[in-house]
Amino acid sequence: MPFETVLIVDDDPLIHAVCKAFFQRRGALQVLGAMNGAEGLTALEETPQIDLIVCDLKMPDVDGVQFLRLLMERRYSQPIIIISGEDGSVVQAAYNLAKSHNLCILGRVRKPLDYAALEEALAEPVVAPQRSGTRKTTAVSEADLRSAMQLGEISAYMQPKIECATGRVVGAEALARWFHPECGLVMPDSFIPVAEKAGLIPDLTHYILRDAMATKQRCAERGHNLKIAVNTDALTINQLDFPEAIYALTQAAGVPNEDVVLEVTERSLLQDGAASMEVMARLRMMRFEISIDDFGTGNSNMKQLCTFPFTELKIDRGFLEGVTNDSAKAICLNAIVSLAKSLQLTTVAEGIESEHDLALVQQAGVTYAQGYHIAKPMAPNDLVDWLEARRPQIRRKNLA
């Protein structure tokens, strides 16, 4: 990838010389230099179109960590390579900081710097986190939402889960999607807050459960026996009559209780520990499966694992981001999987977006995986078609 104008921000003249020769050889028309973050900002003001920044961390006056924050404040959107001779944990912290600032990170390079290290950084995939607030939301009211549920405008889209070891489809997570007759697709971040404020989440949960179980039965008729997973919230999981309500749904649909997975976040359990303990114990006695969702994002996950009767642990996607180059994350991922196995819990990795991600969780020993690399959330009819198309592929793979 050619960069016409490159800015080197480092207090070592030798680094400037190495980088200048390297990028000129790769076709750069201009290689600018700055000895610290303050000079780097001046260069940005004087030369607005800078295609790449190579930034050291330890510098006088304005250091590289401060410089990254200042780049965020100026909404700099071009690629950045972080270079440093600091400890690996410091470099990783700066990398994580840059991602939290929504900066576009092209790579990290350890000093001493050479051409091979720079080439390797340029070959890394660009990490550009999605900026918050960029997704368009649709303004909806409580009345709109109630009407949508009554008219059947909200449906359960299903995102498949596969068994990591075999690629076999074992289940699907039900995700609410609203197709408004005038606004089109309304995403959950537009209507879930409305449902929470209006106390409609339990009703919405039951609505999605019914829809998902109907889809499960449709798949079963074609020979595909899937477990279905549905998210629950604090209000739902703390309702003492929830076990009876969901049992009535499964009985009416003819779905075995053990084929329903209820995903519960730690935040839900902190609302009323005694009530949720009673509800979850009774759900397990009825043979429903219970998954702790977004594991690793809360403050007391270990306590929750020891306290509540979970059957599954869902690993937050944050543990997969950059894990190849982050030894601490790799250690944490392996430790989570090992802990789950010791507790006899199955594991699910969400957010699988590439073959590399899938290979990573397979190697770690994760039980199940879901994500866009496997399949996006899809309508019920599309799920049946997808399963039918996938069946011969898996058969050929297992015979190979």
Protein backbone atom coordinates (compact mmCIF):
# COMPACT_ATOMS: atom_id res chain seq x y z
CA MET A 1 0.00 0.00 0.00
CA PRO A 2 1.69 3.27 -1.11
CA PHE A 3 1.76 6.31 1.19
CA GLU A 4 2.61 9.60 -0.52
CA THR A 5 3.20 11.64 2.66
CA VAL A 6 4.56 10.01 5.82
CA LEU A 7 5.20 11.66 9.20
CA ILE A 8 7.84 10.17 11.53
CA VAL A 9 7.40 11.23 15.18
CA ASP A 10 10.46 10.08 17.14
CA ASP A 11 13.28 11.73 19.08
CA ASP A 12 15.97 9.45 17.54
CA PRO A 13 17.61 10.81 14.34
CA LEU A 14 18.60 7.25 13.35
CA ILE A 15 14.94 6.21 13.31
CA HIS A 16 14.19 9.14 11.01
CA ALA A 17 16.95 8.06 8.64
CA VAL A 18 15.81 4.42 8.54
CA CYS A 19 12.16 5.34 8.01
CA LYS A 20 12.92 7.98 5.38
CA ALA A 21 14.98 5.55 3.30
CA PHE A 22 12.39 2.80 3.71
CA PHE A 23 9.33 4.83 2.70
CA GLN A 24 11.08 6.64 -0.14
CA ARG A 25 12.03 3.25 -1.54
CA ARG A 26 8.35 2.31 -1.32
CA GLY A 27 7.30 5.36 -3.33
CA ALA A 28 6.64 8.05 -0.73
CA LEU A 29 6.90 11.55 -2.21
CA GLN A 30 7.46 13.23 1.15
CA VAL A 31 8.73 11.95 4.52
CA LEU A 32 8.34 14.52 7.29
CA GLY A 33 10.01 14.42 10.69
CA ALA A 34 9.08 15.51 14.21
CA MET A 35 11.10 15.00 17.41
CA ASN A 36 8.07 14.81 19.75
CA GLY A 37 4.29 14.94 19.82
CA ALA A 38 4.15 18.74 19.87
CA GLU A 39 6.20 18.98 16.68
CA GLY A 40 4.04 16.22 15.21
CA LEU A 41 0.90 18.28 15.78
CA THR A 42 2.56 21.29 14.14
CA ALA A 43 3.41 19.14 11.11
CA LEU A 44 -0.21 18.02 10.89
CA GLU A 45 -1.40 21.62 10.90
CA GLU A 46 1.10 22.63 8.23
CA THR A 47 0.53 19.54 6.05
CA PRO A 48 -3.12 18.49 6.38
CA GLN A 49 -2.88 15.47 4.06
CA ILE A 50 -0.57 13.05 5.88
CA ASP A 51 -1.23 9.47 4.78
CA LEU A 52 0.64 7.62 7.53
CA ILE A 53 2.14 8.41 10.93
CA VAL A 54 4.96 6.38 12.48
CA CYS A 55 4.95 7.24 16.18
CA ASP A 56 7.34 6.45 19.04
CA LEU A 57 6.02 6.28 22.61
CA LYS A 58 8.81 7.63 24.81
CA MET A 59 9.63 11.20 23.74
CA PRO A 60 10.31 14.51 25.55
CA ASP A 61 7.63 17.14 26.12
CA VAL A 62 4.58 15.53 24.47
CA ASP A 63 5.13 11.75 24.47
CA GLY A 64 3.56 9.21 22.13
CA VAL A 65 0.72 8.22 24.43
CA GLN A 66 -0.34 11.85 24.76
CA PHE A 67 0.12 12.30 21.03
CA LEU A 68 -2.32 9.45 20.30
CA ARG A 69 -4.98 11.14 22.44
CA LEU A 70 -4.39 14.45 20.70
CA LEU A 71 -4.73 12.74 17.32
CA MET A 72 -8.12 11.43 18.44
CA GLU A 73 -9.20 14.93 19.47
CA ARG A 74 -8.28 16.13 15.97
CA ARG A 75 -10.20 13.17 14.47
CA TYR A 76 -7.16 11.92 12.58
CA SER A 77 -8.36 8.97 10.46
CA GLN A 78 -5.29 7.80 8.53
CA PRO A 79 -3.19 4.73 9.51
CA ILE A 80 -0.69 4.82 12.37
CA ILE A 81 2.26 2.54 13.17
CA ILE A 82 3.36 2.47 16.82
CA ILE A 83 7.09 1.92 17.37
CA SER A 84 8.79 1.57 20.74
CA GLY A 85 11.57 0.02 22.75
CA GLU A 86 9.40 -0.04 25.87
CA ASP A 87 8.19 -3.18 27.60
CA GLY A 88 5.68 -5.21 25.60
CA SER A 89 2.89 -4.54 28.11
CA VAL A 90 3.40 -0.79 27.66
CA VAL A 91 3.24 -1.10 23.88
CA GLN A 92 0.09 -3.21 24.17
CA ALA A 93 -1.49 -0.65 26.51
CA ALA A 94 -0.76 2.11 23.99
CA TYR A 95 -2.25 -0.05 21.24
CA ASN A 96 -5.40 -0.66 23.30
CA LEU A 97 -5.59 3.07 24.07
CA ALA A 98 -5.37 3.91 20.37
CA LYS A 99 -8.21 1.51 19.61
CA SER A 100 -10.32 3.00 22.40
CA HIS A 101 -9.69 6.41 20.79
CA ASN A 102 -10.99 5.00 17.46
CA LEU A 103 -7.65 5.50 15.75
CA CYS A 104 -6.69 3.44 12.72
CA ILE A 105 -3.77 1.24 13.83
CA LEU A 106 -1.76 -0.42 11.08
CA GLY A 107 0.78 -2.17 13.27
CA ARG A 108 3.17 -2.24 16.22
CA VAL A 109 6.94 -2.47 15.81
CA ARG A 110 9.54 -3.20 18.47
CA LYS A 111 12.85 -1.35 18.40
CA PRO A 112 15.56 -1.70 17.14
CA LEU A 113 13.83 -0.81 13.90
CA ASP A 114 14.66 -2.35 10.52
CA TYR A 115 13.10 -2.70 7.08
CA ALA A 116 11.76 -6.21 7.76
CA ALA A 117 9.89 -5.06 10.88
CA LEU A 118 8.31 -2.17 8.99
CA GLU A 119 7.26 -4.47 6.13
CA GLU A 120 5.65 -6.81 8.63
CA ALA A 121 3.73 -3.93 10.21
CA LEU A 122 2.48 -2.76 6.83
CA ALA A 123 1.26 -6.30 6.11
CA GLU A 124 -0.94 -6.39 9.23
CA PRO A 125 -4.68 -5.88 8.78
CA VAL A 126 -5.85 -2.36 9.58
CA VAL A 127 -7.58 -2.12 12.96
CA ALA A 128 -10.18 0.62 12.71
CA PRO A 129 -12.83 0.43 15.46
CA GLN A 130 -16.31 1.55 14.54
CA ARG A 131 -16.97 5.04 15.79
CA SER A 132 -19.73 5.26 18.34
CA GLY A 133 -22.86 6.94 17.15
CA THR A 134 -22.26 6.23 13.47
CA ARG A 135 -25.14 3.77 13.17
CA LYS A 136 -28.36 5.47 12.26
CA THR A 137 -31.05 5.02 14.88
CA THR A 138 -34.78 5.38 14.39
CA ALA A 139 -36.85 7.32 16.91
CA VAL A 140 -39.65 5.08 18.19
CA SER A 141 -42.16 5.44 21.01
CA GLU A 142 -43.56 3.00 23.51
CA ALA A 143 -46.85 3.03 21.60
CA ASP A 144 -45.00 2.20 18.36
CA LEU A 145 -43.29 -0.73 20.04
CA ARG A 146 -46.46 -2.10 21.59
CA SER A 147 -48.20 -1.85 18.24
CA ALA A 148 -45.31 -3.60 16.48
CA MET A 149 -45.50 -6.54 18.89
CA GLN A 150 -49.26 -6.82 18.44
CA LEU A 151 -49.01 -6.65 14.63
CA GLY A 152 -46.14 -9.16 14.40
CA GLU A 153 -43.66 -6.67 12.94
CA ILE A 154 -40.89 -7.89 15.25
CA SER A 155 -39.37 -11.27 14.52
CA ALA A 156 -36.58 -13.49 15.77
CA TYR A 157 -33.66 -13.55 13.36
CA MET A 158 -31.37 -16.51 14.00
CA GLN A 159 -27.56 -16.51 14.04
CA PRO A 160 -26.19 -20.07 13.82
CA LYS A 161 -23.64 -21.58 16.19
CA ILE A 162 -21.27 -24.33 15.11
CA GLU A 163 -19.26 -26.92 16.97
CA CYS A 164 -15.64 -25.80 16.64
CA ALA A 165 -14.20 -29.30 16.33
CA THR A 166 -16.47 -30.50 13.52
CA GLY A 167 -18.14 -27.45 11.95
CA ARG A 168 -21.53 -29.05 12.69
CA VAL A 169 -24.38 -26.58 13.29
CA VAL A 170 -25.63 -27.12 16.84
CA GLY A 171 -27.81 -24.13 17.56
CA ALA A 172 -28.72 -20.53 16.91
CA GLU A 173 -29.13 -17.33 18.91
CA ALA A 174 -32.44 -15.51 18.51
CA LEU A 175 -32.02 -11.77 17.89
CA ALA A 176 -34.91 -9.32 17.69
CA ARG A 177 -35.43 -7.50 14.40
CA TRP A 178 -38.21 -5.00 13.69
CA PHE A 179 -39.42 -4.38 10.16
CA HIS A 180 -41.38 -1.15 10.28
CA PRO A 181 -43.82 -0.62 7.35
CA GLU A 182 -42.58 2.96 6.87
CA CYS A 183 -39.07 3.12 8.39
CA GLY A 184 -37.89 -0.28 7.20
CA LEU A 185 -35.46 -2.20 9.40
CA VAL A 186 -35.31 -0.83 12.96
CA MET A 187 -32.27 -2.16 14.81
CA PRO A 188 -32.40 -3.24 18.48
CA ASP A 189 -30.37 -0.24 19.67
CA SER A 190 -33.37 1.89 18.65
CA PHE A 191 -36.11 -0.06 20.41
CA ILE A 192 -34.49 -2.04 23.25
CA PRO A 193 -33.93 1.12 25.38
CA VAL A 194 -37.60 1.99 24.83
CA ALA A 195 -38.61 -1.52 25.90
CA GLU A 196 -36.43 -1.31 29.01
CA LYS A 197 -37.86 2.06 30.05
CA ALA A 198 -41.43 0.86 29.50
CA GLY A 199 -40.88 -2.46 31.31
CA LEU A 200 -41.63 -4.38 28.10
CA ILE A 201 -38.50 -6.55 28.03
CA PRO A 202 -40.19 -9.59 29.65
CA ASP A 203 -42.99 -9.40 27.07
CA LEU A 204 -40.46 -8.97 24.27
CA THR A 205 -38.43 -11.93 25.60
CA HIS A 206 -41.50 -14.17 25.55
CA TYR A 207 -42.39 -12.88 22.08
CA ILE A 208 -38.93 -13.73 20.72
CA LEU A 209 -38.94 -17.10 22.48
CA ARG A 210 -42.21 -18.11 20.82
CA ASP A 211 -40.94 -17.01 17.42
CA ALA A 212 -37.61 -18.80 17.88
CA MET A 213 -39.24 -22.04 19.00
CA ALA A 214 -41.47 -21.99 15.92
CA THR A 215 -38.32 -21.66 13.81
CA LYS A 216 -36.68 -24.52 15.71
CA GLN A 217 -39.64 -26.76 14.93
CA ARG A 218 -39.51 -25.76 11.26
CA CYS A 219 -35.82 -26.72 11.16
CA ALA A 220 -36.53 -30.00 12.98
CA GLU A 221 -39.01 -30.96 10.27
CA ARG A 222 -36.10 -30.82 7.81
CA GLY A 223 -33.87 -32.93 10.06
CA HIS A 224 -31.97 -30.11 11.79
CA ASN A 225 -32.17 -30.33 15.58
CA LEU A 226 -30.93 -27.03 17.00
CA LYS A 227 -30.67 -25.54 20.44
CA ILE A 228 -32.00 -21.99 20.57
CA ALA A 229 -30.50 -19.25 22.73
CA VAL A 230 -32.39 -16.15 23.86
CA ASN A 231 -31.13 -13.15 25.82
CA THR A 232 -32.78 -12.30 29.11
CA ASP A 233 -32.54 -9.12 31.17
CA ALA A 234 -32.53 -8.23 34.87
CA LEU A 235 -36.29 -7.70 35.06
CA THR A 236 -37.03 -11.06 33.41
CA ILE A 237 -34.54 -13.23 35.29
CA ASN A 238 -35.72 -11.79 38.63
CA GLN A 239 -39.40 -12.52 38.04
CA LEU A 240 -40.27 -15.42 40.33
CA ASP A 241 -42.91 -16.74 37.92
CA PHE A 242 -40.54 -16.74 34.92
CA PRO A 243 -39.83 -20.51 35.12
CA GLU A 244 -43.54 -21.32 34.84
CA ALA A 245 -43.98 -18.85 31.99
CA ILE A 246 -41.16 -20.24 29.87
CA TYR A 247 -42.15 -23.84 30.70
CA ALA A 248 -45.63 -23.11 29.36
CA LEU A 249 -44.07 -21.79 26.14
CA THR A 250 -41.94 -24.89 25.56
CA GLN A 251 -44.83 -27.22 26.33
CA ALA A 252 -47.11 -25.40 23.89
CA ALA A 253 -44.44 -25.53 21.18
CA GLY A 254 -43.43 -29.13 21.84
CA VAL A 255 -39.82 -28.11 22.41
CA PRO A 256 -37.65 -29.99 24.96
CA ASN A 257 -36.54 -27.68 27.77
CA GLU A 258 -32.91 -28.77 27.37
CA ASP A 259 -32.94 -27.32 23.84
CA VAL A 260 -33.49 -23.77 25.17
CA VAL A 261 -30.50 -21.71 26.35
CA LEU A 262 -31.15 -18.56 28.35
CA GLU A 263 -28.27 -16.07 28.09
CA VAL A 264 -27.87 -13.99 31.24
CA THR A 265 -25.46 -11.09 31.72
CA GLU A 266 -23.69 -10.43 35.02
CA ARG A 267 -25.44 -7.06 35.27
CA SER A 268 -28.78 -8.89 35.39
CA LEU A 269 -27.66 -10.98 38.37
CA LEU A 270 -26.59 -7.96 40.40
CA GLN A 271 -30.12 -6.52 40.53
CA ASP A 272 -31.57 -9.01 43.02
CA GLY A 273 -29.23 -11.88 43.78
CA ALA A 274 -31.68 -13.89 45.87
CA ALA A 275 -34.50 -13.72 43.31
CA SER A 276 -32.27 -14.58 40.36
CA MET A 277 -30.73 -17.46 42.32
CA GLU A 278 -34.19 -18.92 42.97
CA VAL A 279 -35.29 -18.43 39.36
CA MET A 280 -32.13 -19.95 37.90
CA ALA A 281 -32.16 -22.93 40.27
CA ARG A 282 -35.74 -23.72 39.26
CA LEU A 283 -34.95 -23.26 35.56
CA ARG A 284 -32.11 -25.77 35.87
CA MET A 285 -34.38 -28.24 37.67
CA MET A 286 -36.66 -27.93 34.64
CA ARG A 287 -33.57 -28.75 32.49
CA PHE A 288 -33.27 -25.35 30.76
CA GLU A 289 -29.67 -24.42 29.88
CA ILE A 290 -28.27 -21.16 31.30
CA SER A 291 -25.34 -19.24 29.80
CA ILE A 292 -23.37 -16.41 31.38
CA ASP A 293 -23.09 -13.88 28.56
CA ASP A 294 -20.23 -11.43 27.87
CA PHE A 295 -17.95 -13.21 30.33
CA GLY A 296 -14.93 -11.13 31.27
CA THR A 297 -16.58 -7.71 31.04
CA GLY A 298 -17.89 -7.38 34.61
CA ASN A 299 -16.36 -7.03 38.05
CA SER A 300 -17.49 -10.23 39.75
CA ASN A 301 -17.65 -12.90 37.04
CA MET A 302 -15.71 -15.42 39.14
CA LYS A 303 -18.14 -14.99 42.03
CA GLN A 304 -21.10 -15.44 39.68
CA LEU A 305 -19.59 -18.64 38.26
CA CYS A 306 -19.24 -20.05 41.76
CA THR A 307 -22.71 -18.95 42.85
CA PHE A 308 -25.14 -19.56 40.01
CA PRO A 309 -25.93 -22.84 38.20
CA PHE A 310 -24.59 -22.03 34.74
CA THR A 311 -24.15 -24.65 32.05
CA GLU A 312 -22.39 -22.47 29.49
CA LEU A 313 -19.88 -19.62 29.40
CA LYS A 314 -20.01 -17.16 26.52
CA ILE A 315 -16.65 -15.47 25.94
CA ASP A 316 -16.80 -11.77 25.16
CA ARG A 317 -15.51 -10.93 21.69
CA GLY A 318 -13.01 -8.48 23.19
CA PHE A 319 -10.80 -11.43 24.14
CA LEU A 320 -10.34 -12.29 20.45
CA GLU A 321 -9.40 -8.83 19.19
CA GLY A 322 -5.65 -8.66 18.67
CA VAL A 323 -5.05 -11.86 20.64
CA THR A 324 -2.41 -13.08 18.16
CA ASN A 325 -0.12 -10.19 19.09
CA ASP A 326 -1.23 -9.89 22.71
CA SER A 327 0.24 -12.60 24.93
CA ALA A 328 -1.80 -11.43 27.93
CA LYS A 329 -5.07 -11.85 26.01
CA ALA A 330 -3.97 -15.27 24.76
CA ILE A 331 -3.23 -16.35 28.33
CA CYS A 332 -6.62 -15.04 29.50
CA LEU A 333 -8.46 -16.81 26.67
CA ASN A 334 -6.80 -20.14 27.44
CA ALA A 335 -7.39 -19.66 31.17
CA ILE A 336 -11.12 -18.96 30.61
CA VAL A 337 -11.49 -22.11 28.50
CA SER A 338 -9.58 -24.16 31.07
CA LEU A 339 -11.71 -22.78 33.90
CA ALA A 340 -14.92 -23.57 32.03
CA LYS A 341 -13.79 -27.14 31.37
CA SER A 342 -12.94 -27.59 35.05
CA LEU A 343 -16.45 -26.41 35.94
CA GLN A 344 -17.92 -28.70 33.24
CA LEU A 345 -19.29 -25.75 31.26
CA THR A 346 -19.45 -25.57 27.50
CA THR A 347 -17.91 -22.44 25.95
CA VAL A 348 -19.10 -20.20 23.12
CA ALA A 349 -16.93 -17.66 21.32
CA GLU A 350 -18.92 -14.87 19.70
CA GLY A 351 -17.78 -12.35 17.12
CA ILE A 352 -15.94 -14.83 14.87
CA GLU A 353 -15.24 -12.70 11.79
CA SER A 354 -12.50 -14.61 9.94
CA GLU A 355 -10.99 -18.04 9.38
CA HIS A 356 -8.14 -16.88 11.60
CA ASP A 357 -10.56 -16.20 14.49
CA LEU A 358 -12.12 -19.63 14.06
CA ALA A 359 -8.74 -21.37 14.03
CA LEU A 360 -7.78 -19.44 17.15
CA VAL A 361 -10.75 -20.60 19.21
CA GLN A 362 -10.44 -24.14 17.86
CA GLN A 363 -6.85 -24.22 19.07
CA ALA A 364 -7.90 -22.85 22.48
CA GLY A 365 -10.44 -25.65 22.85
CA VAL A 366 -13.61 -23.54 22.70
CA THR A 367 -16.71 -25.71 22.25
CA TYR A 368 -18.93 -23.57 20.00
CA ALA A 369 -18.52 -20.47 17.82
CA GLN A 370 -20.75 -17.87 16.21
CA GLY A 371 -20.12 -14.74 14.16
CA TYR A 372 -20.34 -13.20 10.71
CA HIS A 373 -17.64 -15.53 9.34
CA ILE A 374 -20.00 -18.42 10.02
CA ALA A 375 -23.27 -16.67 9.25
CA LYS A 376 -25.08 -13.41 9.81
CA PRO A 377 -28.42 -13.32 11.64
CA MET A 378 -31.06 -14.47 9.17
CA ALA A 379 -34.80 -14.83 8.74
CA PRO A 380 -36.36 -18.22 9.57
CA ASN A 381 -36.83 -19.30 5.94
CA ASP A 382 -33.29 -18.26 5.12
CA LEU A 383 -32.00 -20.30 8.06
CA VAL A 384 -33.64 -23.46 6.75
CA ASP A 385 -32.17 -22.85 3.28
CA TRP A 386 -28.75 -22.14 4.78
CA LEU A 387 -28.83 -25.36 6.78
CA GLU A 388 -29.83 -27.37 3.73
CA ALA A 389 -27.02 -25.87 1.66
CA ARG A 390 -24.45 -26.44 4.40
CA ARG A 391 -25.28 -30.10 5.13
CA PRO A 392 -23.49 -31.64 2.10
CA GLN A 393 -20.47 -29.36 2.67
CA ILE A 394 -20.04 -30.63 6.24
CA ARG A 395 -20.54 -34.23 5.13
CA ARG A 396 -17.76 -33.88 2.56
CA LYS A 397 -15.52 -32.19 5.12
CA ASN A 398 -16.00 -34.96 7.69
CA LEU A 399 -15.34 -37.66 5.09
CA ALA A 400 -12.13 -35.99 3.92
